[in-house]
Amino acid sequence: MIDFLNGKLYLNKLYYFRKLEEKSQNNRADEKEALSLICQADDVKLEFNGYQLKDLVGQVEMRNPSMDNKHVLCLFAGATNESNVIEDNIFKKNKLDQIMEDFSISEEFKNLGKYCVLIHNTPEFMENY
């Protein structure tokens, strides 16, 4: 954690997360990571070098293979519905429970490690990384 706070990050490549087993590594797996297109076979017409592919079944998925070597930083962001706050950004008392639930971290995230870093100045974080 000290390395992270000092700006030293270890990032796995996108390919790593695509190849994880769904039930391993605390469910960080995502075989569909970085897909650039997902559509139903009936909704697409594929043609390569003048040859039309026919009788496609299920989903058609396309990805740019160069994305596999991109490094990934996984973050969790809390958010609440705009209707939970009033115009001057003071929380509505009757919505406080909902707001707290929206910003709470799920129990399953505890399996990802023993440390948590709260980034409270998002613009500064983004500017430096």
N, C-alpha and C. Protein backbone atom coordinates (compact mmCIF):
# COMPACT_ATOMS: atom_id res chain seq x y z
N MET A 1 0.82 -1.18 0.00
CA MET A 1 0.00 0.00 0.00
C MET A 1 0.87 1.25 0.00
N ILE A 2 1.99 1.22 0.68
CA ILE A 2 2.87 2.38 0.72
C ILE A 2 3.35 2.72 -0.69
N ASP A 3 3.68 1.69 -1.47
CA ASP A 3 4.08 1.95 -2.86
C ASP A 3 2.98 2.68 -3.62
N PHE A 4 1.74 2.24 -3.44
CA PHE A 4 0.61 2.89 -4.13
C PHE A 4 0.52 4.35 -3.71
N LEU A 5 0.61 4.61 -2.42
CA LEU A 5 0.51 5.98 -1.93
C LEU A 5 1.67 6.84 -2.42
N ASN A 6 2.79 6.20 -2.74
CA ASN A 6 3.94 6.92 -3.28
C ASN A 6 3.93 6.99 -4.80
N GLY A 7 2.83 6.56 -5.41
CA GLY A 7 2.69 6.67 -6.86
C GLY A 7 3.24 5.49 -7.64
N LYS A 8 3.63 4.41 -6.97
CA LYS A 8 4.13 3.23 -7.66
C LYS A 8 2.99 2.23 -7.79
N LEU A 9 2.56 1.98 -9.00
CA LEU A 9 1.42 1.10 -9.23
C LEU A 9 1.86 -0.15 -9.98
N TYR A 10 1.32 -1.30 -9.59
CA TYR A 10 1.50 -2.52 -10.36
C TYR A 10 0.19 -2.80 -11.06
N LEU A 11 0.23 -2.89 -12.38
CA LEU A 11 -0.99 -3.12 -13.15
C LEU A 11 -0.82 -4.35 -14.01
N ASN A 12 -1.79 -5.26 -13.93
CA ASN A 12 -1.81 -6.39 -14.85
C ASN A 12 -2.30 -5.93 -16.21
N LYS A 13 -1.96 -6.71 -17.21
CA LYS A 13 -2.45 -6.41 -18.56
C LYS A 13 -3.87 -6.92 -18.71
N LEU A 14 -4.60 -6.30 -19.60
CA LEU A 14 -5.99 -6.65 -19.83
C LEU A 14 -6.16 -8.14 -20.12
N TYR A 15 -5.23 -8.72 -20.85
CA TYR A 15 -5.27 -10.13 -21.18
C TYR A 15 -5.37 -10.99 -19.93
N TYR A 16 -4.68 -10.60 -18.86
CA TYR A 16 -4.69 -11.35 -17.60
C TYR A 16 -6.11 -11.51 -17.08
N PHE A 17 -6.90 -10.43 -17.09
CA PHE A 17 -8.25 -10.47 -16.55
C PHE A 17 -9.20 -11.25 -17.47
N ARG A 18 -8.94 -11.23 -18.76
CA ARG A 18 -9.78 -12.00 -19.68
C ARG A 18 -9.57 -13.49 -19.50
N LYS A 19 -8.39 -13.92 -19.10
CA LYS A 19 -8.07 -15.34 -19.02
C LYS A 19 -8.30 -15.94 -17.64
N LEU A 20 -8.63 -15.13 -16.65
CA LEU A 20 -8.91 -15.67 -15.31
C LEU A 20 -10.17 -16.53 -15.36
N GLU A 21 -10.19 -17.54 -14.53
CA GLU A 21 -11.40 -18.34 -14.38
C GLU A 21 -12.44 -17.51 -13.63
N GLU A 22 -13.69 -17.63 -13.97
CA GLU A 22 -14.75 -16.82 -13.38
C GLU A 22 -14.81 -16.92 -11.86
N LYS A 23 -14.55 -18.10 -11.31
CA LYS A 23 -14.68 -18.27 -9.86
C LYS A 23 -13.38 -18.07 -9.12
N SER A 24 -12.32 -17.72 -9.81
CA SER A 24 -11.04 -17.54 -9.14
C SER A 24 -10.75 -16.06 -8.91
N GLN A 25 -9.73 -15.79 -8.15
CA GLN A 25 -9.25 -14.43 -7.93
C GLN A 25 -10.35 -13.46 -7.51
N ASN A 26 -11.22 -13.94 -6.62
CA ASN A 26 -12.27 -13.09 -6.07
C ASN A 26 -13.16 -12.47 -7.15
N ASN A 27 -13.36 -13.22 -8.19
CA ASN A 27 -14.28 -12.84 -9.27
C ASN A 27 -13.90 -11.55 -9.99
N ARG A 28 -12.62 -11.36 -10.23
CA ARG A 28 -12.17 -10.21 -11.02
C ARG A 28 -12.10 -10.57 -12.50
N ALA A 29 -12.45 -11.80 -12.83
CA ALA A 29 -12.38 -12.26 -14.21
C ALA A 29 -13.41 -11.55 -15.08
N ASP A 30 -13.06 -11.32 -16.32
CA ASP A 30 -14.02 -10.74 -17.27
C ASP A 30 -13.60 -11.14 -18.69
N GLU A 31 -14.16 -12.25 -19.16
CA GLU A 31 -13.80 -12.74 -20.49
C GLU A 31 -14.22 -11.80 -21.60
N LYS A 32 -15.11 -10.88 -21.32
CA LYS A 32 -15.58 -9.93 -22.33
C LYS A 32 -14.86 -8.58 -22.23
N GLU A 33 -13.82 -8.51 -21.43
CA GLU A 33 -13.07 -7.27 -21.25
C GLU A 33 -12.57 -6.74 -22.59
N ALA A 34 -12.80 -5.47 -22.83
CA ALA A 34 -12.31 -4.73 -24.00
C ALA A 34 -12.94 -5.15 -25.33
N LEU A 35 -14.13 -5.72 -25.28
CA LEU A 35 -14.81 -5.97 -26.55
C LEU A 35 -15.17 -4.64 -27.18
N SER A 36 -14.98 -4.53 -28.48
CA SER A 36 -15.34 -3.29 -29.16
C SER A 36 -16.70 -3.39 -29.83
N LEU A 37 -17.22 -4.63 -29.95
CA LEU A 37 -18.53 -4.82 -30.56
C LEU A 37 -19.16 -6.10 -30.02
N ILE A 38 -20.41 -5.99 -29.61
CA ILE A 38 -21.21 -7.15 -29.24
C ILE A 38 -22.56 -6.95 -29.90
N CYS A 39 -22.97 -7.90 -30.72
CA CYS A 39 -24.30 -7.81 -31.32
C CYS A 39 -24.83 -9.21 -31.61
N GLN A 40 -26.10 -9.30 -31.80
CA GLN A 40 -26.72 -10.59 -32.13
C GLN A 40 -26.43 -10.93 -33.59
N ALA A 41 -26.24 -12.19 -33.85
CA ALA A 41 -25.89 -12.65 -35.20
C ALA A 41 -26.91 -12.19 -36.24
N ASP A 42 -28.19 -12.14 -35.87
CA ASP A 42 -29.23 -11.71 -36.81
C ASP A 42 -29.12 -10.23 -37.19
N ASP A 43 -28.40 -9.46 -36.36
CA ASP A 43 -28.32 -8.01 -36.58
C ASP A 43 -27.08 -7.58 -37.34
N VAL A 44 -26.27 -8.53 -37.79
CA VAL A 44 -25.00 -8.16 -38.42
C VAL A 44 -24.79 -8.96 -39.71
N LYS A 45 -24.10 -8.35 -40.63
CA LYS A 45 -23.73 -9.01 -41.88
C LYS A 45 -22.22 -8.92 -41.98
N LEU A 46 -21.54 -10.08 -41.95
CA LEU A 46 -20.08 -10.11 -41.98
C LEU A 46 -19.58 -10.57 -43.35
N GLU A 47 -18.63 -9.82 -43.86
CA GLU A 47 -18.05 -10.14 -45.15
C GLU A 47 -16.54 -9.94 -45.07
N PHE A 48 -15.79 -10.95 -45.51
CA PHE A 48 -14.33 -10.90 -45.52
C PHE A 48 -13.83 -11.26 -46.92
N ASN A 49 -13.07 -10.35 -47.51
CA ASN A 49 -12.50 -10.59 -48.84
C ASN A 49 -13.55 -11.04 -49.85
N GLY A 50 -14.72 -10.43 -49.79
CA GLY A 50 -15.78 -10.74 -50.74
C GLY A 50 -16.60 -11.97 -50.39
N TYR A 51 -16.27 -12.66 -49.31
CA TYR A 51 -17.01 -13.85 -48.91
C TYR A 51 -17.89 -13.50 -47.72
N GLN A 52 -19.20 -13.73 -47.85
CA GLN A 52 -20.14 -13.41 -46.78
C GLN A 52 -20.31 -14.61 -45.87
N LEU A 53 -20.11 -14.37 -44.56
CA LEU A 53 -20.33 -15.43 -43.57
C LEU A 53 -21.83 -15.54 -43.32
N LYS A 54 -22.36 -16.75 -43.40
CA LYS A 54 -23.79 -16.98 -43.24
C LYS A 54 -24.05 -17.94 -42.10
N ASP A 55 -25.29 -18.00 -41.68
CA ASP A 55 -25.75 -18.91 -40.64
C ASP A 55 -25.01 -18.72 -39.31
N LEU A 56 -24.74 -17.47 -38.97
CA LEU A 56 -24.13 -17.18 -37.68
C LEU A 56 -25.17 -17.40 -36.57
N VAL A 57 -24.72 -17.86 -35.42
CA VAL A 57 -25.61 -18.14 -34.30
C VAL A 57 -25.07 -17.44 -33.05
N GLY A 58 -25.99 -16.93 -32.23
CA GLY A 58 -25.60 -16.34 -30.96
C GLY A 58 -25.08 -14.92 -31.11
N GLN A 59 -24.14 -14.55 -30.24
CA GLN A 59 -23.57 -13.21 -30.27
C GLN A 59 -22.33 -13.18 -31.14
N VAL A 60 -22.15 -12.07 -31.81
CA VAL A 60 -20.92 -11.80 -32.56
C VAL A 60 -20.13 -10.81 -31.70
N GLU A 61 -18.91 -11.19 -31.37
CA GLU A 61 -18.06 -10.35 -30.53
C GLU A 61 -16.77 -10.04 -31.27
N MET A 62 -16.38 -8.78 -31.23
CA MET A 62 -15.13 -8.38 -31.89
C MET A 62 -14.30 -7.57 -30.91
N ARG A 63 -12.99 -7.75 -31.01
CA ARG A 63 -12.07 -6.97 -30.17
C ARG A 63 -10.81 -6.67 -30.96
N ASN A 64 -10.15 -5.62 -30.55
CA ASN A 64 -8.87 -5.24 -31.13
C ASN A 64 -7.79 -5.97 -30.33
N PRO A 65 -7.06 -6.90 -30.95
CA PRO A 65 -6.06 -7.69 -30.20
C PRO A 65 -4.98 -6.83 -29.54
N SER A 66 -4.73 -5.64 -30.04
CA SER A 66 -3.70 -4.80 -29.43
C SER A 66 -4.10 -4.34 -28.03
N MET A 67 -5.39 -4.42 -27.70
CA MET A 67 -5.85 -4.03 -26.38
C MET A 67 -5.36 -4.99 -25.30
N ASP A 68 -5.04 -6.23 -25.66
CA ASP A 68 -4.60 -7.22 -24.69
C ASP A 68 -3.37 -6.79 -23.91
N ASN A 69 -2.54 -5.95 -24.49
CA ASN A 69 -1.30 -5.53 -23.84
C ASN A 69 -1.43 -4.21 -23.08
N LYS A 70 -2.63 -3.66 -23.01
CA LYS A 70 -2.86 -2.44 -22.23
C LYS A 70 -2.94 -2.81 -20.75
N HIS A 71 -2.38 -1.97 -19.91
CA HIS A 71 -2.44 -2.20 -18.47
C HIS A 71 -3.75 -1.65 -17.91
N VAL A 72 -4.27 -2.32 -16.87
CA VAL A 72 -5.58 -1.99 -16.32
C VAL A 72 -5.46 -1.62 -14.84
N LEU A 73 -6.05 -0.50 -14.47
CA LEU A 73 -6.18 -0.12 -13.07
C LEU A 73 -7.65 -0.26 -12.71
N CYS A 74 -7.96 -1.17 -11.81
CA CYS A 74 -9.35 -1.42 -11.42
C CYS A 74 -9.68 -0.57 -10.20
N LEU A 75 -10.75 0.17 -10.31
CA LEU A 75 -11.20 1.04 -9.22
C LEU A 75 -12.68 0.84 -8.98
N PHE A 76 -13.12 1.23 -7.80
CA PHE A 76 -14.53 1.23 -7.45
C PHE A 76 -14.95 2.67 -7.25
N ALA A 77 -16.05 3.05 -7.83
CA ALA A 77 -16.55 4.42 -7.66
C ALA A 77 -17.96 4.36 -7.08
N GLY A 78 -18.16 5.08 -6.01
CA GLY A 78 -19.49 5.19 -5.44
C GLY A 78 -20.24 6.33 -6.11
N ALA A 79 -21.52 6.17 -6.27
CA ALA A 79 -22.35 7.22 -6.89
C ALA A 79 -23.77 7.09 -6.36
N THR A 80 -24.46 8.19 -6.33
CA THR A 80 -25.85 8.18 -5.91
C THR A 80 -26.69 8.92 -6.94
N ASN A 81 -27.96 8.67 -6.90
CA ASN A 81 -28.89 9.29 -7.84
C ASN A 81 -29.04 10.77 -7.52
N GLU A 82 -29.11 11.58 -8.54
CA GLU A 82 -29.24 13.03 -8.37
C GLU A 82 -30.46 13.40 -7.53
N SER A 83 -31.50 12.59 -7.60
CA SER A 83 -32.71 12.89 -6.85
C SER A 83 -32.51 12.75 -5.34
N ASN A 84 -31.38 12.17 -4.93
CA ASN A 84 -31.10 12.02 -3.50
C ASN A 84 -30.52 13.27 -2.87
N VAL A 85 -30.20 14.25 -3.66
CA VAL A 85 -29.65 15.50 -3.12
C VAL A 85 -30.49 16.67 -3.60
N ILE A 86 -30.52 17.73 -2.83
CA ILE A 86 -31.29 18.90 -3.25
C ILE A 86 -30.39 19.82 -4.06
N GLU A 87 -30.94 20.84 -4.63
CA GLU A 87 -30.24 21.69 -5.59
C GLU A 87 -28.94 22.27 -5.06
N ASP A 88 -28.87 22.63 -3.79
CA ASP A 88 -27.63 23.22 -3.29
C ASP A 88 -26.67 22.16 -2.72
N ASN A 89 -26.89 20.90 -3.11
CA ASN A 89 -26.03 19.76 -2.76
C ASN A 89 -26.01 19.40 -1.28
N ILE A 90 -26.98 19.83 -0.53
CA ILE A 90 -27.13 19.38 0.85
C ILE A 90 -28.00 18.13 0.82
N PHE A 91 -27.54 17.08 1.47
CA PHE A 91 -28.27 15.82 1.44
C PHE A 91 -29.67 15.95 2.03
N LYS A 92 -30.63 15.35 1.37
CA LYS A 92 -31.98 15.27 1.92
C LYS A 92 -31.96 14.27 3.07
N LYS A 93 -32.51 14.62 4.22
CA LYS A 93 -32.48 13.74 5.38
C LYS A 93 -33.18 12.42 5.11
N ASN A 94 -34.28 12.45 4.41
CA ASN A 94 -35.03 11.21 4.18
C ASN A 94 -34.34 10.30 3.16
N LYS A 95 -33.30 10.76 2.49
CA LYS A 95 -32.58 9.95 1.51
C LYS A 95 -31.21 9.53 2.03
N LEU A 96 -30.86 9.89 3.26
CA LEU A 96 -29.53 9.61 3.78
C LEU A 96 -29.21 8.12 3.79
N ASP A 97 -30.17 7.27 4.17
CA ASP A 97 -29.94 5.82 4.17
C ASP A 97 -29.61 5.33 2.77
N GLN A 98 -30.34 5.82 1.77
CA GLN A 98 -30.08 5.41 0.39
C GLN A 98 -28.70 5.87 -0.07
N ILE A 99 -28.34 7.10 0.27
CA ILE A 99 -27.03 7.63 -0.10
C ILE A 99 -25.92 6.80 0.54
N MET A 100 -26.08 6.46 1.81
CA MET A 100 -25.07 5.65 2.49
C MET A 100 -24.95 4.27 1.85
N GLU A 101 -26.07 3.70 1.46
CA GLU A 101 -26.04 2.40 0.78
C GLU A 101 -25.34 2.51 -0.57
N ASP A 102 -25.63 3.58 -1.30
CA ASP A 102 -25.01 3.78 -2.61
C ASP A 102 -23.49 3.88 -2.53
N PHE A 103 -22.98 4.45 -1.45
CA PHE A 103 -21.54 4.65 -1.30
C PHE A 103 -20.85 3.56 -0.49
N SER A 104 -21.60 2.59 -0.01
CA SER A 104 -20.99 1.51 0.77
C SER A 104 -20.30 0.52 -0.16
N ILE A 105 -19.29 -0.11 0.38
CA ILE A 105 -18.51 -1.08 -0.39
C ILE A 105 -19.03 -2.48 -0.07
N SER A 106 -19.33 -3.25 -1.09
CA SER A 106 -19.88 -4.59 -0.94
C SER A 106 -18.92 -5.49 -0.16
N GLU A 107 -19.49 -6.43 0.58
CA GLU A 107 -18.70 -7.40 1.36
C GLU A 107 -17.72 -8.17 0.46
N GLU A 108 -18.11 -8.45 -0.77
CA GLU A 108 -17.24 -9.25 -1.65
C GLU A 108 -15.93 -8.54 -1.96
N PHE A 109 -15.89 -7.22 -1.84
CA PHE A 109 -14.66 -6.49 -2.10
C PHE A 109 -13.60 -6.75 -1.04
N LYS A 110 -14.02 -7.23 0.13
CA LYS A 110 -13.05 -7.54 1.19
C LYS A 110 -12.11 -8.64 0.76
N ASN A 111 -12.52 -9.48 -0.17
CA ASN A 111 -11.69 -10.58 -0.66
C ASN A 111 -10.58 -10.11 -1.59
N LEU A 112 -10.60 -8.87 -2.00
CA LEU A 112 -9.61 -8.38 -2.95
C LEU A 112 -8.29 -7.98 -2.29
N GLY A 113 -8.27 -7.87 -0.99
CA GLY A 113 -7.03 -7.53 -0.30
C GLY A 113 -7.32 -6.89 1.04
N LYS A 114 -6.26 -6.64 1.80
CA LYS A 114 -6.45 -6.12 3.14
C LYS A 114 -6.36 -4.60 3.23
N TYR A 115 -6.12 -3.92 2.12
CA TYR A 115 -6.01 -2.47 2.14
C TYR A 115 -7.03 -1.82 1.21
N CYS A 116 -7.37 -0.62 1.55
CA CYS A 116 -8.28 0.18 0.73
C CYS A 116 -7.75 1.61 0.72
N VAL A 117 -7.69 2.22 -0.43
CA VAL A 117 -7.25 3.61 -0.54
C VAL A 117 -8.44 4.42 -1.02
N LEU A 118 -8.75 5.47 -0.31
CA LEU A 118 -9.84 6.36 -0.68
C LEU A 118 -9.26 7.56 -1.42
N ILE A 119 -9.67 7.74 -2.65
CA ILE A 119 -9.22 8.89 -3.44
C ILE A 119 -10.29 9.95 -3.30
N HIS A 120 -10.01 10.98 -2.54
CA HIS A 120 -11.01 12.01 -2.27
C HIS A 120 -10.88 13.21 -3.18
N ASN A 121 -9.75 13.35 -3.88
CA ASN A 121 -9.58 14.45 -4.82
C ASN A 121 -9.37 13.84 -6.21
N THR A 122 -10.45 13.43 -6.81
CA THR A 122 -10.38 12.73 -8.09
C THR A 122 -9.68 13.54 -9.18
N PRO A 123 -9.98 14.83 -9.35
CA PRO A 123 -9.30 15.59 -10.41
C PRO A 123 -7.77 15.58 -10.24
N GLU A 124 -7.29 15.73 -9.02
CA GLU A 124 -5.84 15.71 -8.80
C GLU A 124 -5.27 14.35 -9.11
N PHE A 125 -5.95 13.28 -8.69
CA PHE A 125 -5.50 11.92 -8.98
C PHE A 125 -5.38 11.71 -10.49
N MET A 126 -6.42 12.11 -11.23
CA MET A 126 -6.43 11.93 -12.68
C MET A 126 -5.34 12.75 -13.36
N GLU A 127 -5.06 13.92 -12.83
CA GLU A 127 -4.03 14.78 -13.41
C GLU A 127 -2.65 14.18 -13.28
N ASN A 128 -2.43 13.45 -12.19
CA ASN A 128 -1.11 12.88 -11.92
C ASN A 128 -0.90 11.49 -12.49
N TYR A 129 -1.97 10.88 -12.97
CA TYR A 129 -1.82 9.52 -13.55
C TYR A 129 -2.36 9.52 -14.91
